[in-house]
Amino acid sequence: MALPARFSLLHSDLNDFLFAPVGADDNGMPLSVLSALTRLGVDPWEEAARLAALPKARAAAALAGLITQLSVERLSPSVTLETSSRLVERLPMQPRRATPDRGPPRAIADKRIPVGVWLACLALGAAVVWGLS
């Protein structure tokens, strides 16, 4: 009998990252990324997917910030960043999507004056000029 979806390991491409050891817990037992994120009240799969979408350096910095919040062995900031960089290397590569050309940015498009406004101004100007004649 298969387990229901809520009990299965979702996003198995993230398992190498989620089950990697972060460090030792207070009792000396290894602590996985999965357990560490759960202790911090963060959904491990959502956070792993979020980190995987970031550039490696930004993902490592974000993960280092989370690691420093844990009550595990205290590491220097450089060792924490080194650990997070090692862990981030286990994340799957996310292909960069080319963004389609959507025309000019909205700020530029909003500065364009509609043709109707130009025609109204031209008609008003013509009326003023002919009225003065």
N, C-alpha and C. Protein backbone atom coordinates (compact mmCIF):
# COMPACT_ATOMS: atom_id res chain seq x y z
N MET A 1 0.83 -1.17 0.00
CA MET A 1 0.00 0.00 0.00
C MET A 1 0.88 1.25 0.00
N ALA A 2 0.62 2.15 -0.92
CA ALA A 2 1.40 3.38 -1.05
C ALA A 2 0.97 4.40 0.00
N LEU A 3 1.92 5.22 0.41
CA LEU A 3 1.62 6.27 1.38
C LEU A 3 0.82 7.38 0.71
N PRO A 4 -0.06 8.03 1.45
CA PRO A 4 -0.75 9.20 0.90
C PRO A 4 0.27 10.28 0.55
N ALA A 5 -0.10 11.17 -0.36
CA ALA A 5 0.82 12.20 -0.83
C ALA A 5 1.38 13.05 0.30
N ARG A 6 0.58 13.30 1.34
CA ARG A 6 1.08 14.16 2.41
C ARG A 6 2.21 13.52 3.21
N PHE A 7 2.38 12.19 3.08
CA PHE A 7 3.46 11.51 3.80
C PHE A 7 4.64 11.15 2.89
N SER A 8 4.51 11.40 1.61
CA SER A 8 5.60 11.06 0.70
C SER A 8 6.60 12.22 0.65
N LEU A 9 7.81 11.92 0.22
CA LEU A 9 8.82 12.95 0.11
C LEU A 9 8.57 13.73 -1.17
N LEU A 10 8.15 14.96 -1.00
CA LEU A 10 7.90 15.81 -2.15
C LEU A 10 9.21 16.42 -2.64
N HIS A 11 9.25 16.76 -3.89
CA HIS A 11 10.41 17.42 -4.48
C HIS A 11 11.70 16.64 -4.19
N SER A 12 11.76 15.43 -4.64
CA SER A 12 12.91 14.59 -4.34
C SER A 12 14.22 15.15 -4.87
N ASP A 13 14.17 16.08 -5.83
CA ASP A 13 15.40 16.70 -6.30
C ASP A 13 16.03 17.59 -5.24
N LEU A 14 15.31 17.86 -4.17
CA LEU A 14 15.82 18.67 -3.06
C LEU A 14 16.36 17.83 -1.91
N ASN A 15 16.23 16.51 -2.00
CA ASN A 15 16.62 15.64 -0.89
C ASN A 15 18.09 15.74 -0.52
N ASP A 16 18.98 15.85 -1.53
CA ASP A 16 20.41 15.97 -1.21
C ASP A 16 20.68 17.18 -0.32
N PHE A 17 19.96 18.25 -0.58
CA PHE A 17 20.11 19.46 0.22
C PHE A 17 19.44 19.31 1.58
N LEU A 18 18.20 18.84 1.58
CA LEU A 18 17.42 18.79 2.81
C LEU A 18 17.97 17.81 3.84
N PHE A 19 18.59 16.74 3.39
CA PHE A 19 19.09 15.73 4.34
C PHE A 19 20.59 15.87 4.63
N ALA A 20 21.20 16.94 4.13
CA ALA A 20 22.62 17.20 4.41
C ALA A 20 22.76 17.72 5.83
N PRO A 21 23.86 17.35 6.52
CA PRO A 21 24.05 17.83 7.90
C PRO A 21 24.47 19.30 7.94
N VAL A 22 23.86 20.04 8.86
CA VAL A 22 24.21 21.45 9.06
C VAL A 22 25.32 21.54 10.10
N GLY A 23 25.21 20.76 11.13
CA GLY A 23 26.17 20.77 12.23
C GLY A 23 25.68 19.81 13.30
N ALA A 24 26.28 19.91 14.46
CA ALA A 24 25.89 19.04 15.57
C ALA A 24 24.92 19.78 16.48
N ASP A 25 23.92 19.06 16.95
CA ASP A 25 22.95 19.60 17.89
C ASP A 25 23.60 19.69 19.26
N ASP A 26 22.90 20.27 20.23
CA ASP A 26 23.44 20.41 21.58
C ASP A 26 23.84 19.07 22.19
N ASN A 27 23.14 17.99 21.79
CA ASN A 27 23.44 16.67 22.34
C ASN A 27 24.47 15.92 21.50
N GLY A 28 25.06 16.58 20.49
CA GLY A 28 26.10 15.97 19.69
C GLY A 28 25.60 15.24 18.46
N MET A 29 24.30 15.12 18.29
CA MET A 29 23.73 14.43 17.12
C MET A 29 23.75 15.38 15.92
N PRO A 30 24.00 14.82 14.72
CA PRO A 30 23.98 15.67 13.54
C PRO A 30 22.59 16.23 13.27
N LEU A 31 22.53 17.44 12.81
CA LEU A 31 21.27 18.13 12.52
C LEU A 31 21.20 18.37 11.02
N SER A 32 20.14 17.88 10.38
CA SER A 32 19.98 18.06 8.94
C SER A 32 19.36 19.41 8.63
N VAL A 33 19.48 19.83 7.39
CA VAL A 33 18.84 21.07 6.94
C VAL A 33 17.34 20.98 7.16
N LEU A 34 16.77 19.82 6.85
CA LEU A 34 15.33 19.60 7.03
C LEU A 34 14.92 19.86 8.47
N SER A 35 15.63 19.28 9.42
CA SER A 35 15.32 19.47 10.84
C SER A 35 15.56 20.91 11.27
N ALA A 36 16.63 21.50 10.78
CA ALA A 36 16.96 22.88 11.16
C ALA A 36 15.87 23.84 10.70
N LEU A 37 15.44 23.71 9.45
CA LEU A 37 14.40 24.60 8.94
C LEU A 37 13.08 24.38 9.67
N THR A 38 12.78 23.13 9.98
CA THR A 38 11.55 22.83 10.72
C THR A 38 11.59 23.46 12.10
N ARG A 39 12.72 23.40 12.77
CA ARG A 39 12.86 24.02 14.10
C ARG A 39 12.63 25.52 14.04
N LEU A 40 13.01 26.12 12.90
CA LEU A 40 12.85 27.57 12.76
C LEU A 40 11.44 27.95 12.31
N GLY A 41 10.58 26.95 12.12
CA GLY A 41 9.22 27.23 11.70
C GLY A 41 9.08 27.56 10.22
N VAL A 42 10.05 27.09 9.44
CA VAL A 42 10.06 27.35 8.00
C VAL A 42 9.74 26.04 7.28
N ASP A 43 8.89 26.10 6.25
CA ASP A 43 8.60 24.90 5.47
C ASP A 43 9.87 24.54 4.69
N PRO A 44 10.47 23.36 4.97
CA PRO A 44 11.74 23.01 4.35
C PRO A 44 11.70 22.96 2.82
N TRP A 45 10.63 22.42 2.24
CA TRP A 45 10.57 22.30 0.79
C TRP A 45 10.37 23.65 0.13
N GLU A 46 9.56 24.51 0.72
CA GLU A 46 9.37 25.85 0.17
C GLU A 46 10.66 26.65 0.24
N GLU A 47 11.35 26.57 1.37
CA GLU A 47 12.59 27.33 1.54
C GLU A 47 13.67 26.80 0.61
N ALA A 48 13.76 25.48 0.46
CA ALA A 48 14.75 24.90 -0.46
C ALA A 48 14.47 25.34 -1.89
N ALA A 49 13.21 25.34 -2.28
CA ALA A 49 12.84 25.78 -3.64
C ALA A 49 13.16 27.26 -3.82
N ARG A 50 12.91 28.06 -2.79
CA ARG A 50 13.21 29.49 -2.86
C ARG A 50 14.71 29.72 -3.00
N LEU A 51 15.49 29.01 -2.20
CA LEU A 51 16.94 29.14 -2.26
C LEU A 51 17.49 28.67 -3.60
N ALA A 52 16.90 27.61 -4.15
CA ALA A 52 17.36 27.08 -5.44
C ALA A 52 17.15 28.08 -6.57
N ALA A 53 16.17 28.95 -6.43
CA ALA A 53 15.88 29.93 -7.47
C ALA A 53 16.81 31.15 -7.40
N LEU A 54 17.51 31.30 -6.29
CA LEU A 54 18.41 32.44 -6.12
C LEU A 54 19.79 32.14 -6.69
N PRO A 55 20.58 33.17 -7.01
CA PRO A 55 21.98 32.94 -7.34
C PRO A 55 22.68 32.30 -6.13
N LYS A 56 23.68 31.49 -6.40
CA LYS A 56 24.33 30.72 -5.32
C LYS A 56 24.81 31.60 -4.16
N ALA A 57 25.41 32.74 -4.46
CA ALA A 57 25.94 33.60 -3.39
C ALA A 57 24.82 34.13 -2.50
N ARG A 58 23.71 34.55 -3.12
CA ARG A 58 22.58 35.06 -2.33
C ARG A 58 21.92 33.95 -1.54
N ALA A 59 21.83 32.76 -2.13
CA ALA A 59 21.25 31.63 -1.42
C ALA A 59 22.11 31.26 -0.22
N ALA A 60 23.42 31.27 -0.39
CA ALA A 60 24.32 30.94 0.72
C ALA A 60 24.20 31.97 1.84
N ALA A 61 24.10 33.25 1.49
CA ALA A 61 23.96 34.29 2.51
C ALA A 61 22.63 34.14 3.25
N ALA A 62 21.57 33.85 2.52
CA ALA A 62 20.25 33.67 3.16
C ALA A 62 20.26 32.46 4.09
N LEU A 63 20.86 31.37 3.64
CA LEU A 63 20.94 30.17 4.47
C LEU A 63 21.82 30.41 5.69
N ALA A 64 22.91 31.16 5.53
CA ALA A 64 23.78 31.46 6.68
C ALA A 64 23.00 32.23 7.75
N GLY A 65 22.13 33.14 7.32
CA GLY A 65 21.30 33.87 8.27
C GLY A 65 20.39 32.95 9.06
N LEU A 66 19.86 31.94 8.38
CA LEU A 66 19.00 30.97 9.08
C LEU A 66 19.81 30.10 10.04
N ILE A 67 21.00 29.70 9.61
CA ILE A 67 21.83 28.83 10.44
C ILE A 67 22.22 29.53 11.74
N THR A 68 22.47 30.83 11.66
CA THR A 68 22.87 31.56 12.88
C THR A 68 21.74 31.63 13.91
N GLN A 69 20.50 31.42 13.47
CA GLN A 69 19.36 31.45 14.40
C GLN A 69 19.20 30.14 15.16
N LEU A 70 19.91 29.11 14.75
CA LEU A 70 19.77 27.79 15.40
C LEU A 70 20.53 27.73 16.71
N SER A 71 20.08 26.86 17.58
CA SER A 71 20.80 26.64 18.84
C SER A 71 21.71 25.42 18.68
N VAL A 72 22.54 25.45 17.65
CA VAL A 72 23.53 24.39 17.44
C VAL A 72 24.88 24.96 17.81
N GLU A 73 25.90 24.15 17.63
CA GLU A 73 27.24 24.62 17.97
C GLU A 73 27.49 25.99 17.34
N ARG A 74 27.99 26.91 18.11
CA ARG A 74 28.24 28.28 17.63
C ARG A 74 29.47 28.28 16.74
N LEU A 75 29.28 28.77 15.53
CA LEU A 75 30.35 28.84 14.56
C LEU A 75 30.63 30.30 14.24
N SER A 76 31.85 30.57 13.82
CA SER A 76 32.17 31.93 13.41
C SER A 76 31.39 32.25 12.14
N PRO A 77 31.16 33.53 11.85
CA PRO A 77 30.42 33.90 10.64
C PRO A 77 31.05 33.34 9.36
N SER A 78 32.38 33.30 9.31
CA SER A 78 33.02 32.78 8.09
C SER A 78 32.78 31.28 7.94
N VAL A 79 32.80 30.53 9.04
CA VAL A 79 32.54 29.09 8.99
C VAL A 79 31.07 28.85 8.65
N THR A 80 30.18 29.68 9.19
CA THR A 80 28.75 29.55 8.89
C THR A 80 28.50 29.78 7.40
N LEU A 81 29.14 30.81 6.83
CA LEU A 81 28.98 31.09 5.40
C LEU A 81 29.59 29.97 4.56
N GLU A 82 30.71 29.42 5.01
CA GLU A 82 31.33 28.30 4.30
C GLU A 82 30.41 27.07 4.33
N THR A 83 29.81 26.81 5.48
CA THR A 83 28.88 25.69 5.61
C THR A 83 27.67 25.89 4.72
N SER A 84 27.12 27.09 4.73
CA SER A 84 25.94 27.35 3.89
C SER A 84 26.29 27.28 2.41
N SER A 85 27.48 27.71 2.03
CA SER A 85 27.92 27.60 0.63
C SER A 85 28.03 26.14 0.21
N ARG A 86 28.56 25.32 1.12
CA ARG A 86 28.67 23.87 0.84
C ARG A 86 27.28 23.26 0.67
N LEU A 87 26.35 23.67 1.51
CA LEU A 87 24.99 23.13 1.44
C LEU A 87 24.27 23.60 0.18
N VAL A 88 24.45 24.85 -0.20
CA VAL A 88 23.79 25.40 -1.38
C VAL A 88 24.23 24.67 -2.65
N GLU A 89 25.44 24.16 -2.65
CA GLU A 89 25.93 23.41 -3.81
C GLU A 89 25.11 22.13 -4.04
N ARG A 90 24.41 21.68 -3.04
CA ARG A 90 23.58 20.48 -3.15
C ARG A 90 22.20 20.76 -3.75
N LEU A 91 21.87 22.04 -3.89
CA LEU A 91 20.58 22.40 -4.48
C LEU A 91 20.60 22.14 -5.99
N PRO A 92 19.46 21.76 -6.55
CA PRO A 92 19.42 21.55 -8.00
C PRO A 92 19.56 22.88 -8.73
N MET A 93 20.16 22.82 -9.90
CA MET A 93 20.30 24.01 -10.73
C MET A 93 18.94 24.39 -11.29
N GLN A 94 18.57 25.64 -11.18
CA GLN A 94 17.33 26.13 -11.75
C GLN A 94 17.66 26.85 -13.06
N PRO A 95 17.08 26.40 -14.16
CA PRO A 95 17.36 27.09 -15.43
C PRO A 95 16.81 28.51 -15.39
N ARG A 96 17.60 29.43 -15.93
CA ARG A 96 17.15 30.82 -16.00
C ARG A 96 16.18 30.94 -17.16
N ARG A 97 15.04 31.51 -16.90
CA ARG A 97 14.05 31.70 -17.95
C ARG A 97 14.26 33.04 -18.61
N ALA A 98 14.23 33.03 -19.93
CA ALA A 98 14.32 34.29 -20.66
C ALA A 98 12.98 35.01 -20.51
N THR A 99 13.04 36.26 -20.14
CA THR A 99 11.80 37.01 -19.98
C THR A 99 11.38 37.53 -21.34
N PRO A 100 10.13 37.33 -21.70
CA PRO A 100 9.66 37.81 -22.99
C PRO A 100 9.63 39.33 -23.02
N ASP A 101 9.82 39.88 -24.21
CA ASP A 101 9.78 41.32 -24.37
C ASP A 101 8.33 41.76 -24.25
N ARG A 102 8.06 42.53 -23.25
CA ARG A 102 6.68 42.96 -22.98
C ARG A 102 6.45 44.41 -23.37
N GLY A 103 7.32 44.96 -24.17
CA GLY A 103 7.18 46.36 -24.56
C GLY A 103 7.84 47.25 -23.53
N PRO A 104 7.58 48.54 -23.61
CA PRO A 104 8.23 49.47 -22.68
C PRO A 104 7.71 49.29 -21.27
N PRO A 105 8.54 49.60 -20.30
CA PRO A 105 8.08 49.53 -18.92
C PRO A 105 6.87 50.43 -18.69
N ARG A 106 6.08 50.10 -17.71
CA ARG A 106 4.84 50.81 -17.46
C ARG A 106 5.06 52.30 -17.22
N ALA A 107 6.15 52.65 -16.53
CA ALA A 107 6.41 54.07 -16.25
C ALA A 107 6.58 54.85 -17.55
N ILE A 108 7.24 54.25 -18.53
CA ILE A 108 7.43 54.92 -19.81
C ILE A 108 6.11 54.93 -20.58
N ALA A 109 5.41 53.82 -20.58
CA ALA A 109 4.14 53.74 -21.31
C ALA A 109 3.13 54.72 -20.76
N ASP A 110 3.13 54.96 -19.46
CA ASP A 110 2.18 55.90 -18.86
C ASP A 110 2.48 57.34 -19.24
N LYS A 111 3.71 57.63 -19.65
CA LYS A 111 4.08 58.99 -20.03
C LYS A 111 3.66 59.33 -21.45
N ARG A 112 3.28 58.35 -22.23
CA ARG A 112 2.82 58.60 -23.58
C ARG A 112 1.47 59.29 -23.54
N ILE A 113 1.30 60.24 -24.41
CA ILE A 113 0.03 60.96 -24.46
C ILE A 113 -0.82 60.31 -25.55
N PRO A 114 -2.03 59.91 -25.22
CA PRO A 114 -2.90 59.27 -26.20
C PRO A 114 -3.19 60.20 -27.37
N VAL A 115 -3.46 59.61 -28.52
CA VAL A 115 -3.72 60.35 -29.75
C VAL A 115 -4.93 61.26 -29.58
N GLY A 116 -5.95 60.80 -28.87
CA GLY A 116 -7.14 61.62 -28.66
C GLY A 116 -6.84 62.93 -27.95
N VAL A 117 -5.91 62.90 -27.00
CA VAL A 117 -5.54 64.12 -26.28
C VAL A 117 -4.84 65.07 -27.23
N TRP A 118 -3.94 64.55 -28.07
CA TRP A 118 -3.27 65.39 -29.06
C TRP A 118 -4.27 66.06 -30.00
N LEU A 119 -5.24 65.29 -30.47
CA LEU A 119 -6.23 65.84 -31.39
C LEU A 119 -7.09 66.91 -30.70
N ALA A 120 -7.44 66.68 -29.44
CA ALA A 120 -8.23 67.67 -28.70
C ALA A 120 -7.44 68.96 -28.52
N CYS A 121 -6.15 68.84 -28.22
CA CYS A 121 -5.30 70.03 -28.05
C CYS A 121 -5.16 70.78 -29.38
N LEU A 122 -5.00 70.04 -30.46
CA LEU A 122 -4.88 70.65 -31.78
C LEU A 122 -6.17 71.40 -32.14
N ALA A 123 -7.31 70.78 -31.88
CA ALA A 123 -8.60 71.43 -32.18
C ALA A 123 -8.79 72.67 -31.32
N LEU A 124 -8.43 72.61 -30.05
CA LEU A 124 -8.55 73.75 -29.15
C LEU A 124 -7.63 74.88 -29.62
N GLY A 125 -6.41 74.52 -29.98
CA GLY A 125 -5.46 75.53 -30.49
C GLY A 125 -5.97 76.19 -31.76
N ALA A 126 -6.51 75.40 -32.66
CA ALA A 126 -7.05 75.95 -33.92
C ALA A 126 -8.21 76.87 -33.62
N ALA A 127 -9.09 76.50 -32.67
CA ALA A 127 -10.23 77.34 -32.33
C ALA A 127 -9.78 78.66 -31.76
N VAL A 128 -8.75 78.64 -30.92
CA VAL A 128 -8.23 79.87 -30.33
C VAL A 128 -7.64 80.76 -31.40
N VAL A 129 -6.83 80.18 -32.30
CA VAL A 129 -6.18 80.97 -33.36
C VAL A 129 -7.25 81.57 -34.28
N TRP A 130 -8.23 80.81 -34.68
CA TRP A 130 -9.27 81.34 -35.57
C TRP A 130 -10.20 82.30 -34.86
N GLY A 131 -10.32 82.14 -33.56
CA GLY A 131 -11.17 83.06 -32.79
C GLY A 131 -10.52 84.42 -32.63
N LEU A 132 -9.20 84.46 -32.63
CA LEU A 132 -8.47 85.72 -32.48
C LEU A 132 -8.38 86.46 -33.80
N SER A 133 -8.58 85.81 -34.91
CA SER A 133 -8.44 86.43 -36.21
C SER A 133 -9.55 87.37 -36.53
